[in-house]
Protein backbone atom coordinates (compact mmCIF):
# COMPACT_ATOMS: atom_id res chain seq x y z
CA MET A 1 -26.08 11.79 -102.31
CA ILE A 2 -26.03 13.37 -105.79
CA LEU A 3 -23.40 15.73 -107.14
CA ALA A 4 -24.88 18.24 -109.58
CA THR A 5 -22.63 20.68 -111.43
CA VAL A 6 -24.17 23.52 -113.44
CA SER A 7 -22.22 25.22 -116.22
CA SER A 8 -22.04 25.69 -119.97
CA ASP A 9 -18.34 24.75 -119.83
CA ALA A 10 -17.58 21.02 -120.06
CA GLY A 11 -14.21 21.73 -118.45
CA PHE A 12 -15.94 23.00 -115.29
CA HIS A 13 -17.82 19.71 -114.84
CA ARG A 14 -14.65 17.74 -115.45
CA ASP A 15 -12.54 19.82 -113.02
CA VAL A 16 -15.10 19.57 -110.21
CA ARG A 17 -15.23 15.80 -110.51
CA ALA A 18 -11.44 15.67 -110.52
CA ALA A 19 -11.33 17.77 -107.33
CA LEU A 20 -13.76 15.49 -105.51
CA ASP A 21 -12.82 12.11 -106.94
CA GLY A 22 -11.68 9.74 -104.20
CA HIS A 23 -12.66 12.13 -101.42
CA ILE A 24 -16.47 12.15 -101.37
CA ARG A 25 -18.72 9.31 -102.49
CA PHE A 26 -21.72 10.27 -104.65
CA GLU A 27 -24.46 8.00 -105.95
CA ALA A 28 -24.60 9.89 -109.23
CA ALA A 29 -23.03 12.92 -110.92
CA TRP A 30 -25.22 15.22 -113.02
CA ASP A 31 -23.55 17.53 -115.55
CA LEU A 32 -26.22 20.17 -116.12
CA GLY A 33 -26.28 23.12 -118.47
CA TYR A 34 -27.91 26.32 -117.28
CA HIS A 35 -31.04 25.41 -119.21
CA ASP A 36 -31.30 22.14 -117.24
CA CYS A 37 -31.79 23.79 -113.83
CA ALA A 38 -35.46 22.66 -113.74
CA ARG A 39 -34.09 19.19 -113.04
CA LEU A 40 -33.01 20.44 -109.61
CA ARG A 41 -36.64 21.19 -108.76
CA GLY A 42 -37.47 17.59 -109.57
CA LEU A 43 -35.18 16.16 -106.88
CA ASP A 44 -36.98 13.80 -104.53
CA SER A 45 -37.76 15.48 -101.20
CA GLU A 46 -35.60 12.91 -99.38
CA GLN A 47 -32.71 13.02 -101.86
CA LYS A 48 -29.54 14.74 -100.66
CA ALA A 49 -27.53 16.71 -103.21
CA VAL A 50 -24.52 18.98 -103.44
CA VAL A 51 -25.04 21.54 -106.22
CA ILE A 52 -21.98 23.40 -107.53
CA ILE A 53 -22.81 26.27 -109.90
CA ASP A 54 -20.44 28.10 -112.25
CA PHE A 55 -21.24 31.84 -112.04
CA THR A 56 -19.11 33.00 -114.97
CA ASP A 57 -22.50 33.76 -116.56
CA PRO A 58 -24.43 35.24 -113.56
CA ALA A 59 -27.67 35.93 -115.44
CA ARG A 60 -28.01 32.25 -116.33
CA ALA A 61 -26.51 30.85 -113.11
CA LEU A 62 -28.77 32.66 -110.65
CA PRO A 63 -31.98 30.83 -111.77
CA ALA A 64 -30.16 27.55 -111.11
CA ALA A 65 -29.40 28.66 -107.55
CA ARG A 66 -33.02 29.69 -107.03
CA ALA A 67 -34.18 26.29 -108.28
CA ALA A 68 -32.44 24.67 -105.29
CA ASP A 69 -33.39 27.35 -102.74
CA GLY A 70 -35.46 26.22 -99.77
CA ARG A 71 -34.65 22.51 -100.06
CA LEU A 72 -33.27 21.30 -96.72
CA LEU A 73 -31.36 18.41 -98.27
CA VAL A 74 -29.55 20.45 -100.91
CA GLY A 75 -26.28 22.28 -100.33
CA THR A 76 -25.48 24.91 -102.98
CA ILE A 77 -22.00 26.25 -103.75
CA ALA A 78 -21.43 29.22 -106.07
CA VAL A 79 -18.07 29.40 -107.87
CA ASN A 80 -16.45 32.32 -109.74
CA THR A 81 -18.49 34.99 -107.96
CA GLY A 82 -18.83 36.80 -104.63
CA GLY A 83 -15.93 39.18 -105.00
CA SER A 84 -18.07 42.21 -104.13
CA ARG A 85 -21.07 43.12 -102.00
CA GLU A 86 -23.16 43.59 -105.16
CA GLU A 87 -22.49 39.98 -106.14
CA LEU A 88 -23.05 38.56 -102.66
CA LEU A 89 -26.50 39.98 -101.94
CA PRO A 90 -28.40 38.20 -104.76
CA LEU A 91 -26.59 34.99 -103.86
CA MET A 92 -27.74 35.24 -100.25
CA GLU A 93 -31.29 35.96 -101.39
CA ALA A 94 -31.15 32.83 -103.56
CA GLY A 95 -30.19 30.73 -100.52
CA VAL A 96 -26.50 30.27 -101.39
CA ARG A 97 -24.35 30.10 -98.26
CA ASP A 98 -21.00 29.01 -99.68
CA VAL A 99 -19.28 31.22 -102.24
CA LEU A 100 -15.89 30.77 -103.92
CA PRO A 101 -14.63 33.83 -105.88
CA THR A 102 -12.22 31.67 -107.87
CA PHE A 103 -11.98 28.00 -108.78
CA SER A 104 -9.37 25.93 -106.98
CA TYR A 105 -9.32 22.19 -106.39
CA ARG A 106 -8.61 22.65 -102.69
CA GLU A 107 -11.45 25.12 -102.07
CA ILE A 108 -13.93 23.08 -104.11
CA LEU A 109 -13.12 20.05 -101.96
CA GLN A 110 -13.41 22.03 -98.72
CA ALA A 111 -16.74 23.55 -99.75
CA ALA A 112 -18.15 20.16 -100.81
CA ASN A 113 -17.03 18.64 -97.50
CA ARG A 114 -18.80 21.43 -95.60
CA ALA A 115 -21.98 20.90 -97.61
CA ALA A 116 -21.88 17.13 -97.10
CA ALA A 117 -21.37 17.57 -93.35
CA LYS A 118 -24.39 19.89 -93.10
CA LEU A 119 -26.55 17.48 -95.07
CA GLY A 120 -25.71 14.79 -92.55
CA CYS A 121 -27.80 16.65 -89.95
CA ALA A 122 -30.27 18.38 -92.27
CA GLY A 123 -33.25 16.61 -90.73
CA GLU A 124 -32.82 18.31 -87.36
CA LEU A 125 -35.05 21.13 -86.18
CA VAL A 126 -33.35 24.44 -87.00
CA ALA A 127 -33.61 27.27 -84.49
CA ASP A 128 -35.75 30.35 -84.93
CA LEU A 129 -33.25 33.19 -85.32
CA TYR A 130 -34.05 36.68 -84.01
CA ALA A 131 -31.91 39.67 -84.94
CA PHE A 132 -31.68 42.89 -82.92
CA VAL A 133 -30.34 45.92 -84.82
CA PRO A 134 -29.83 49.48 -83.53
CA ALA A 135 -30.98 52.42 -85.62
CA LYS A 136 -27.67 53.92 -84.50
CA PRO A 137 -25.24 53.25 -81.64
CA GLY A 138 -26.71 54.10 -78.25
CA CYS A 139 -30.32 53.18 -79.03
CA GLY A 140 -30.25 50.26 -76.58
CA ALA A 141 -30.46 47.32 -78.98
CA THR A 142 -27.99 45.29 -76.91
CA THR A 143 -29.95 45.94 -73.73
CA VAL A 144 -33.20 44.86 -75.38
CA ALA A 145 -31.58 41.79 -77.01
CA THR A 146 -29.96 40.65 -73.76
CA TYR A 147 -32.95 40.97 -71.46
CA ALA A 148 -35.51 39.78 -74.04
CA THR A 149 -33.47 36.65 -74.83
CA ALA A 150 -33.03 35.93 -71.12
CA ALA A 151 -36.79 36.27 -70.65
CA ALA A 152 -37.37 33.98 -73.66
CA ALA A 153 -35.07 31.37 -72.09
CA ARG A 154 -37.12 31.52 -68.89
CA LEU A 155 -40.45 31.28 -70.74
CA ALA A 156 -39.31 28.43 -72.99
CA GLY A 157 -37.88 26.42 -70.10
CA GLU A 158 -34.99 25.30 -72.28
CA SER A 159 -31.56 26.50 -73.33
CA THR A 160 -31.70 29.65 -75.47
CA LEU A 161 -28.65 31.24 -77.09
CA LEU A 162 -27.55 34.87 -77.37
CA LEU A 163 -24.73 35.72 -79.80
CA ASP A 164 -23.05 39.11 -79.57
CA PHE A 165 -21.92 39.85 -83.13
CA ASP A 166 -20.74 43.34 -82.16
CA ILE A 167 -17.21 42.05 -81.75
CA ARG A 168 -15.71 45.53 -81.53
CA LEU A 169 -17.93 47.32 -79.00
CA GLY A 170 -20.33 44.70 -77.63
CA VAL A 171 -21.41 44.94 -73.98
CA THR A 172 -23.50 41.81 -73.38
CA THR A 173 -20.79 40.37 -71.12
CA PHE A 174 -20.76 43.57 -69.08
CA LEU A 175 -24.56 43.67 -68.72
CA LEU A 176 -24.68 40.14 -67.29
CA LYS A 177 -21.47 40.36 -65.27
CA ALA A 178 -20.00 37.47 -67.23
CA GLU A 179 -16.46 38.86 -67.30
CA GLY A 180 -13.84 36.14 -67.41
CA ALA A 181 -16.00 33.97 -69.65
CA ARG A 182 -14.93 33.02 -73.15
CA SER A 183 -15.96 35.47 -75.87
CA ILE A 184 -17.59 35.47 -79.29
CA SER A 185 -14.23 36.35 -80.84
CA GLU A 186 -12.67 33.17 -79.47
CA ALA A 187 -15.56 31.13 -80.88
CA LEU A 188 -15.22 32.76 -84.30
CA LEU A 189 -11.51 31.92 -84.43
CA VAL A 190 -12.33 28.20 -84.13
CA SER A 191 -15.58 28.28 -86.12
CA ASP A 192 -14.27 25.75 -88.64
CA ARG A 193 -13.67 23.06 -86.00
CA LEU A 194 -16.51 23.48 -83.51
CA ASP A 195 -17.76 20.35 -81.80
CA GLU A 196 -19.86 19.67 -78.70
CA ASP A 197 -16.92 19.65 -76.28
CA LEU A 198 -15.38 22.83 -77.65
CA TRP A 199 -18.78 24.54 -77.60
CA ALA A 200 -19.23 23.59 -73.94
CA SER A 201 -15.94 25.29 -73.10
CA LEU A 202 -16.94 28.51 -74.90
CA VAL A 203 -20.55 29.15 -73.85
CA SER A 204 -21.43 30.89 -70.58
CA GLU A 205 -24.60 29.71 -68.84
CA ILE A 206 -26.89 32.00 -66.84
CA GLY A 207 -29.81 29.73 -66.02
CA ASN A 208 -31.31 28.68 -69.35
CA LEU A 209 -29.61 31.58 -71.13
CA HIS A 210 -26.49 30.53 -73.01
CA LEU A 211 -24.18 33.37 -73.99
CA LEU A 212 -21.36 33.93 -76.42
CA GLY A 213 -20.73 37.49 -75.38
CA SER A 214 -18.42 40.36 -76.09
CA GLY A 215 -14.73 40.16 -75.26
CA PRO A 216 -11.78 42.53 -75.00
CA ILE A 217 -11.75 45.10 -77.79
CA ASP A 218 -9.39 44.15 -80.62
CA PHE A 219 -9.57 46.37 -83.68
CA SER A 220 -6.53 44.79 -85.32
CA ARG A 221 -7.94 41.36 -86.21
CA PRO A 222 -10.56 41.26 -88.99
CA LEU A 223 -12.71 38.14 -89.15
CA PRO A 224 -14.07 36.87 -92.49
CA ALA A 225 -17.83 36.58 -92.97
CA GLU A 226 -17.40 32.81 -93.36
CA CYS A 227 -16.52 32.52 -89.66
CA PHE A 228 -19.87 34.04 -88.68
CA THR A 229 -21.68 31.72 -91.11
CA GLU A 230 -19.98 28.62 -89.70
CA LEU A 231 -20.79 29.70 -86.14
CA LEU A 232 -24.45 30.32 -87.01
CA ASP A 233 -24.68 26.97 -88.82
CA PHE A 234 -23.41 25.21 -85.71
CA ALA A 235 -25.63 27.15 -83.29
CA VAL A 236 -29.00 26.89 -85.05
CA ARG A 237 -28.86 23.10 -85.01
CA ARG A 238 -28.32 22.96 -81.26
CA TYR A 239 -30.95 25.37 -79.95
CA SER A 240 -34.61 26.09 -80.61
CA VAL A 241 -34.26 29.87 -80.22
CA VAL A 242 -31.15 31.90 -81.08
CA SER A 243 -30.81 35.68 -80.80
CA VAL A 244 -28.07 37.71 -82.41
CA ASP A 245 -27.13 41.22 -81.33
CA LEU A 246 -25.87 43.07 -84.42
CA PRO A 247 -23.86 46.31 -84.48
CA GLY A 248 -25.88 47.73 -87.38
CA SER A 249 -22.84 48.52 -89.51
CA MET A 250 -24.29 46.74 -92.57
CA GLU A 251 -21.35 44.37 -93.04
CA ASP A 252 -21.68 41.15 -95.01
CA HIS A 253 -22.01 38.89 -91.95
CA GLU A 254 -24.91 41.05 -90.75
CA CYS A 255 -26.70 40.57 -94.07
CA GLU A 256 -26.27 36.82 -93.66
CA ALA A 257 -27.82 36.87 -90.18
CA LEU A 258 -30.67 39.15 -91.26
CA LEU A 259 -31.54 37.00 -94.27
CA ARG A 260 -31.74 33.95 -92.02
CA ALA A 261 -33.71 35.66 -89.25
CA LYS A 262 -37.34 34.82 -88.56
CA GLN A 263 -37.88 38.29 -87.13
CA ILE A 264 -35.82 41.48 -87.01
CA PHE A 265 -36.19 44.04 -84.22
CA LEU A 266 -35.00 47.52 -85.22
CA VAL A 267 -34.40 49.42 -81.97
CA CYS A 268 -34.81 53.20 -82.16
CA THR A 269 -35.14 56.10 -79.72
CA PRO A 270 -37.20 59.35 -79.87
CA ASN A 271 -34.28 61.28 -81.25
CA ILE A 272 -34.37 62.98 -84.64
CA GLY A 273 -30.92 61.63 -85.51
CA ALA A 274 -31.92 58.07 -84.61
CA LEU A 275 -35.12 58.37 -86.63
CA HIS A 276 -33.16 59.63 -89.64
CA VAL A 277 -30.73 56.69 -89.51
CA ALA A 278 -33.62 54.28 -88.89
CA ARG A 279 -35.17 55.45 -92.16
CA ARG A 280 -31.89 54.69 -93.93
CA LYS A 281 -31.83 51.24 -92.32
CA ALA A 282 -35.39 50.72 -93.54
CA ASP A 283 -34.18 51.37 -97.09
CA TRP A 284 -31.43 48.80 -96.52
CA PHE A 285 -34.00 46.23 -95.37
CA ARG A 286 -36.08 47.07 -98.42
CA ASP A 287 -33.11 46.42 -100.71
CA LEU A 288 -32.70 43.02 -99.04
CA ARG A 289 -36.47 42.36 -99.35
CA LEU A 290 -36.75 41.93 -95.59
CA THR A 291 -39.31 44.56 -94.60
CA ASP A 292 -42.00 41.95 -93.91
CA LYS A 293 -39.81 40.58 -91.10
CA VAL A 294 -38.91 43.92 -89.49
CA SER A 295 -40.68 45.62 -86.60
CA VAL A 296 -39.60 48.70 -84.69
CA VAL A 297 -38.92 48.65 -80.96
CA PHE A 298 -39.26 52.28 -79.85
CA ASN A 299 -37.02 52.54 -76.81
CA CYS A 300 -36.83 55.12 -74.00
CA THR A 301 -40.27 56.57 -74.68
CA GLU A 302 -41.67 59.27 -72.41
CA ARG A 303 -45.30 60.07 -71.72
CA ARG A 304 -44.84 63.37 -73.45
CA THR A 305 -42.96 62.99 -76.70
CA ALA A 306 -42.75 65.01 -79.88
CA PHE A 307 -43.54 61.96 -81.99
CA SER A 308 -46.63 59.78 -81.99
CA VAL A 309 -46.55 56.17 -83.19
CA VAL A 310 -48.16 57.32 -86.44
CA ASP A 311 -45.40 59.93 -86.87
CA ILE A 312 -42.68 57.35 -86.25
CA GLU A 313 -44.15 54.87 -88.73
CA ARG A 314 -44.52 57.61 -91.32
CA ILE A 315 -40.86 58.65 -90.89
CA ILE A 316 -39.31 55.16 -90.75
CA GLN A 317 -41.79 53.45 -93.08
CA LEU A 318 -41.89 50.39 -90.83
CA PRO A 319 -44.44 49.24 -88.22
CA VAL A 320 -43.85 50.08 -84.55
CA ARG A 321 -44.63 46.96 -82.52
CA HIS A 322 -43.18 47.67 -79.08
CA LEU A 323 -42.94 50.81 -76.94
CA LEU A 324 -40.38 50.52 -74.12
CA PRO A 325 -40.53 53.15 -71.38
CA ALA A 326 -37.52 55.18 -70.30
CA SER A 327 -36.23 53.22 -67.28
CA ALA A 328 -32.59 54.24 -66.84
CA GLY A 329 -32.68 53.63 -63.08
CA GLU A 330 -34.13 50.12 -63.38
CA ILE A 331 -31.57 49.15 -66.02
CA ALA A 332 -28.70 50.64 -64.00
CA ARG A 333 -29.70 48.58 -60.94
CA ALA A 334 -29.90 45.41 -63.04
CA VAL A 335 -26.47 46.05 -64.58
CA GLN A 336 -24.96 46.75 -61.17
CA LYS A 337 -26.16 43.37 -59.91
CA GLY A 338 -25.73 41.50 -63.20
CA SER A 339 -29.38 40.51 -62.88
CA LEU A 340 -32.22 40.28 -65.40
CA ILE A 341 -35.16 42.62 -66.03
CA GLU A 342 -38.21 40.82 -64.69
CA GLY A 343 -41.22 41.48 -62.50
CA SER A 344 -44.23 43.77 -62.88
CA SER A 345 -42.59 47.04 -63.92
CA ALA A 346 -43.65 48.64 -67.20
CA LEU A 347 -40.26 47.82 -68.75
CA ALA A 348 -40.32 44.20 -67.56
CA LYS A 349 -43.80 43.71 -69.05
CA GLN A 350 -42.68 45.02 -72.45
CA ILE A 351 -39.54 42.86 -72.37
CA ALA A 352 -41.76 39.86 -71.58
CA ARG A 353 -43.96 40.71 -74.57
CA ILE A 354 -40.97 40.57 -76.92
CA ALA A 355 -39.84 37.31 -75.31
CA GLY A 356 -43.33 35.91 -75.77
CA GLU A 357 -43.17 36.58 -79.51
CA MET A 358 -39.86 34.73 -79.62
CA THR A 359 -41.19 31.58 -77.98
CA MET A 360 -44.91 31.21 -78.68
CA ALA A 361 -44.53 29.81 -82.21
CA ARG A 362 -42.00 27.11 -81.35
CA PRO A 363 -42.98 23.44 -81.79
CA THR A 364 -43.17 21.25 -78.70
CA VAL A 365 -40.22 19.04 -79.70
CA LYS A 366 -37.19 19.97 -77.60
CA LYS A 367 -33.55 19.48 -78.46
CA PRO A 368 -31.10 17.82 -76.09
CA ASN A 369 -29.02 20.14 -73.95
CA PRO A 370 -26.48 21.69 -76.38
CA VAL A 371 -23.86 22.00 -73.63
CA ARG A 372 -22.69 18.82 -71.95
CA ARG A 373 -22.53 18.52 -68.20
CA PHE A 374 -19.25 17.82 -66.42
CA VAL A 375 -19.97 14.13 -65.78
CA GLU A 376 -20.51 13.52 -69.48
CA TYR A 377 -16.88 14.21 -70.29
CA PHE A 378 -15.94 10.86 -68.78
CA SER A 379 -17.90 8.89 -71.35
CA VAL A 380 -17.88 11.15 -74.41
CA SER A 381 -14.72 11.76 -76.41
CA ALA A 382 -14.21 14.97 -78.33
CA ALA A 383 -14.16 14.41 -81.84
CA ARG A 384 -12.06 26.46 -93.86
CA GLU A 385 -9.43 27.95 -94.05
CA ALA A 386 -11.12 31.38 -94.39
CA ARG A 387 -10.67 33.51 -97.41
CA GLY A 388 -8.65 36.61 -96.78
């Protein structure tokens, strides 16, 4: 594994090596200036590298980050940046997933250890990530995410994961009658030390659907975006399909999930307020350069509606891909039983269509079961500090 540091300051290269010396073994150390970033593109496709970039000069540092973007065996760390949303967004777009606002020996070592650990399993198949976002609260994004992911798990015939990232007001646990199970909040609190045994104790299983659902409401405990990143990193290497239900509040951890998503479903209803907010969300997706991955799920449609599909697409400026009928009674019966939406109803058919999109492009190689069975505990032993 190669260590590459990028900076115009010789002291930066020296301090990084001092922080890592004796802790991580590298085959070679490259001290690169900003003008040398083309060398990163010349890395052999099988060569692992940790790239640590000094962002005291952002205009010159960002091309270096882009030079390493998309390489599975390269872990990039940005230092001296990320103190604001404006700084974070271009970093995410450039593929940077670890950001240190200030230089410290301890944080450099922790970040390099995280990167090295990820590179150790970089050859694995990474899950397709699907994000469900409401135009505004009440549009039914959680309902669509829950039942579509459950249908995808059934179609795929293998374990499929649903993450409820609405940690304040999520209802996935309620929809599936999974009360008493461990919650997403508990998983986020231990995101820096997840292993197979701990994961098995956190995830609820409903057939092939694995769930890290909503828990008791706790407004007093903020969770750093790094916790969500660590949880996603762990999850996408253990499943083939992962869905994430987002609250739509445009927080940093949502941007991270959206940038990593293969497809984004924006769920909207035939309500002028929802359409207005959906248009604002479309502008947000445009700012993130994500519009090519977004499709609109128009929920609760009636036969007679004031808006045609053409009207909706003109207002939101995004394509409408799915029309879900108003089926309050069918959903209420499913929630009452804690059952799934399936069968031949109009709603079930549309849910199955979304699930089909989530599974049809997957390769045939399957991952081992990401949650161990009880008997395995007899033979298998269990093996960042977040910025405030």
